[in-house]
């Protein structure tokens, strides 16, 4: 576990680094289902342009994680998306820190009572992390992966106590 993480808004110069995080088509699908592997700066920029609060986390000025909100409804909820952690920092607390940062932004900036996150059924590591952080399933959506195989997108939420 590393405890020297910081965060800031994403910058255009960060995108090349972030584009290298997904190691294969499956990881990219979990992070960004509409993207094509390999992930490009332009694909990330288009996503950022249509979302809110794109954020990176850093450790000693190394970008170790990225996420944003694909929905942000003031006084109601935010939905966290595009979640990815640098492969070199997985299992070291970066994901926990990243989700915590996004939760704090949602609470402070949008005054939300819930935070939503979605995860594909094959992404067991993500599902277990989100559950550990207090997220519980509330819906399941049938989807197709890149090979047209059925998959389940599990929608989860966390209630914010005020």
Protein backbone atom coordinates (compact mmCIF):
# COMPACT_ATOMS: atom_id res chain seq x y z
CA UNK A 1 0.00 0.00 0.00
CA UNK A 2 1.36 3.41 -1.01
CA UNK A 3 0.19 6.48 0.87
CA UNK A 4 1.82 9.26 -1.14
CA UNK A 5 -0.88 9.68 -3.78
CA UNK A 6 -2.08 13.10 -4.94
CA UNK A 7 -4.61 14.13 -7.57
CA UNK A 8 -5.37 16.88 -10.04
CA UNK A 9 -7.43 17.60 -13.16
CA UNK A 10 -6.27 15.70 -16.22
CA UNK A 11 -4.09 17.61 -18.69
CA UNK A 12 -3.74 16.99 -22.42
CA UNK A 13 -0.10 15.96 -21.85
CA UNK A 14 -1.32 13.11 -19.57
CA UNK A 15 -3.28 11.35 -22.29
CA UNK A 16 -0.38 9.54 -23.95
CA UNK A 17 0.51 7.95 -20.61
CA UNK A 18 -3.10 7.01 -19.84
CA UNK A 19 -3.49 5.46 -23.30
CA UNK A 20 -0.85 2.85 -22.31
CA UNK A 21 -2.68 1.65 -19.17
CA UNK A 22 -5.07 -0.87 -20.81
CA UNK A 23 -2.88 -3.92 -21.47
CA UNK A 24 -5.28 -5.68 -23.82
CA UNK A 25 -8.70 -5.48 -25.43
CA UNK A 26 -10.43 -6.85 -22.31
CA UNK A 27 -8.93 -4.21 -20.01
CA UNK A 28 -9.84 -1.49 -22.48
CA UNK A 29 -13.40 -2.84 -22.69
CA UNK A 30 -13.70 -2.69 -18.89
CA UNK A 31 -12.44 0.91 -18.85
CA UNK A 32 -14.00 2.28 -22.01
CA UNK A 33 -16.31 -0.12 -23.91
CA UNK A 34 -16.71 2.16 -26.95
CA UNK A 35 -12.95 2.50 -27.54
CA UNK A 36 -10.89 0.45 -29.97
CA UNK A 37 -7.62 -1.18 -28.92
CA UNK A 38 -5.03 0.16 -28.76
CA UNK A 39 -6.38 3.19 -26.93
CA UNK A 40 -5.38 6.51 -28.51
CA UNK A 41 -5.06 10.06 -27.22
CA UNK A 42 -7.91 11.12 -29.53
CA UNK A 43 -10.26 8.46 -28.12
CA UNK A 44 -9.52 9.59 -24.56
CA UNK A 45 -9.93 13.26 -25.48
CA UNK A 46 -13.34 12.62 -27.05
CA UNK A 47 -14.46 10.87 -23.88
CA UNK A 48 -13.13 13.67 -21.67
CA UNK A 49 -14.92 16.26 -23.83
CA UNK A 50 -18.28 14.62 -23.12
CA UNK A 51 -17.71 13.99 -19.39
CA UNK A 52 -17.08 15.87 -16.16
CA UNK A 53 -14.19 16.15 -13.72
CA UNK A 54 -11.63 14.02 -15.53
CA UNK A 55 -9.05 13.39 -12.85
CA UNK A 56 -5.63 11.74 -12.55
CA UNK A 57 -3.95 10.45 -9.45
CA UNK A 58 -0.19 10.60 -9.10
CA UNK A 59 2.57 9.03 -7.05
CA UNK A 60 5.85 10.97 -7.11
CA UNK A 61 4.59 12.81 -10.23
CA UNK A 62 3.90 9.52 -12.05
CA UNK A 63 0.35 9.21 -13.37
CA UNK A 64 -1.09 6.11 -11.74
CA UNK A 65 -4.85 6.38 -12.30
CA UNK A 66 -7.61 8.10 -14.24
CA UNK A 67 -11.39 8.45 -13.90
CA UNK A 68 -14.24 10.87 -14.56
CA UNK A 69 -18.03 11.22 -14.29
CA UNK A 70 -20.24 10.30 -17.21
CA UNK A 71 -23.22 11.67 -15.30
CA UNK A 72 -23.26 14.39 -12.66
CA UNK A 73 -26.70 15.41 -11.40
CA UNK A 74 -26.50 18.09 -8.68
CA UNK A 75 -28.15 17.08 -5.40
CA UNK A 76 -28.77 13.53 -6.70
CA UNK A 77 -25.91 11.38 -7.99
CA UNK A 78 -22.70 11.10 -9.98
CA UNK A 79 -21.69 8.09 -12.09
CA UNK A 80 -17.98 7.28 -12.14
CA UNK A 81 -16.55 6.04 -15.44
CA UNK A 82 -13.35 5.46 -17.44
CA UNK A 83 -11.70 4.02 -14.32
CA UNK A 84 -8.17 2.71 -14.98
CA UNK A 85 -5.03 2.21 -12.90
CA UNK A 86 -1.46 2.05 -14.19
CA UNK A 87 -0.51 -1.66 -14.32
CA UNK A 88 2.62 -0.98 -12.22
CA UNK A 89 0.48 0.36 -9.37
CA UNK A 90 -2.32 -2.20 -9.25
CA UNK A 91 -2.80 -3.86 -5.90
CA UNK A 92 -1.02 -0.99 -4.12
CA UNK A 93 -3.98 1.15 -3.05
CA UNK A 94 -4.23 3.31 -6.17
CA UNK A 95 -7.74 2.13 -7.05
CA UNK A 96 -8.98 2.75 -3.52
CA UNK A 97 -7.47 6.24 -3.56
CA UNK A 98 -8.86 7.01 -7.05
CA UNK A 99 -12.43 6.02 -6.13
CA UNK A 100 -12.13 7.98 -2.87
CA UNK A 101 -11.05 11.10 -4.76
CA UNK A 102 -13.97 10.78 -7.17
CA UNK A 103 -16.38 10.26 -4.26
CA UNK A 104 -15.07 13.41 -2.55
CA UNK A 105 -15.45 15.44 -5.74
CA UNK A 106 -19.01 14.15 -6.17
CA UNK A 107 -19.95 15.04 -2.59
CA UNK A 108 -18.26 18.45 -2.42
CA UNK A 109 -18.97 19.73 -5.94
CA UNK A 110 -22.35 18.10 -6.68
CA UNK A 111 -23.79 17.51 -3.17
CA UNK A 112 -24.85 13.99 -4.14
CA UNK A 113 -26.76 11.45 -2.07
CA UNK A 114 -25.54 8.50 -4.18
CA UNK A 115 -22.54 7.58 -6.27
CA UNK A 116 -22.90 5.06 -9.09
CA UNK A 117 -20.30 2.88 -10.75
CA UNK A 118 -20.70 0.09 -13.30
CA UNK A 119 -18.56 -2.97 -13.84
CA UNK A 120 -18.64 -5.86 -16.29
CA UNK A 121 -19.15 -9.32 -14.79
CA UNK A 122 -15.76 -10.55 -16.08
CA UNK A 123 -13.96 -7.83 -14.12
CA UNK A 124 -13.88 -9.68 -10.81
CA UNK A 125 -11.09 -7.48 -9.40
CA UNK A 126 -13.17 -4.35 -10.06
CA UNK A 127 -16.34 -5.89 -8.64
CA UNK A 128 -14.56 -6.94 -5.45
CA UNK A 129 -12.92 -3.52 -5.05
CA UNK A 130 -16.20 -1.65 -5.47
CA UNK A 131 -17.95 -3.99 -3.03
CA UNK A 132 -15.13 -3.47 -0.49
CA UNK A 133 -15.66 0.29 -0.87
CA UNK A 134 -19.38 0.02 -0.06
CA UNK A 135 -20.99 -0.28 -3.50
CA UNK A 136 -23.90 -2.68 -3.99
CA UNK A 137 -25.60 -3.89 -7.19
CA UNK A 138 -28.93 -2.31 -8.09
CA UNK A 139 -29.33 -3.33 -11.76
CA UNK A 140 -27.83 -5.59 -14.41
CA UNK A 141 -27.77 -4.68 -18.09
CA UNK A 142 -27.22 -7.20 -20.88
CA UNK A 143 -24.43 -6.10 -23.21
CA UNK A 144 -22.25 -7.54 -25.96
CA UNK A 145 -18.46 -7.51 -25.74
CA UNK A 146 -16.14 -6.79 -28.69
CA UNK A 147 -16.54 -10.38 -29.92
CA UNK A 148 -20.36 -10.18 -29.71
CA UNK A 149 -20.44 -12.44 -26.64
CA UNK A 150 -23.06 -11.71 -24.01
CA UNK A 151 -21.82 -9.98 -20.91
CA UNK A 152 -23.47 -8.34 -17.93
CA UNK A 153 -22.86 -4.74 -16.95
CA UNK A 154 -23.49 -4.63 -13.22
CA UNK A 155 -24.66 -1.22 -12.02
CA UNK A 156 -23.69 -0.50 -8.43
CA UNK A 157 -24.30 2.40 -6.08
CA UNK A 158 -23.21 3.73 -2.74
CA UNK A 159 -25.51 5.77 -0.52
CA UNK A 160 -23.93 8.91 0.92
CA UNK A 161 -24.93 9.66 4.48
CA UNK A 162 -25.32 13.38 5.12
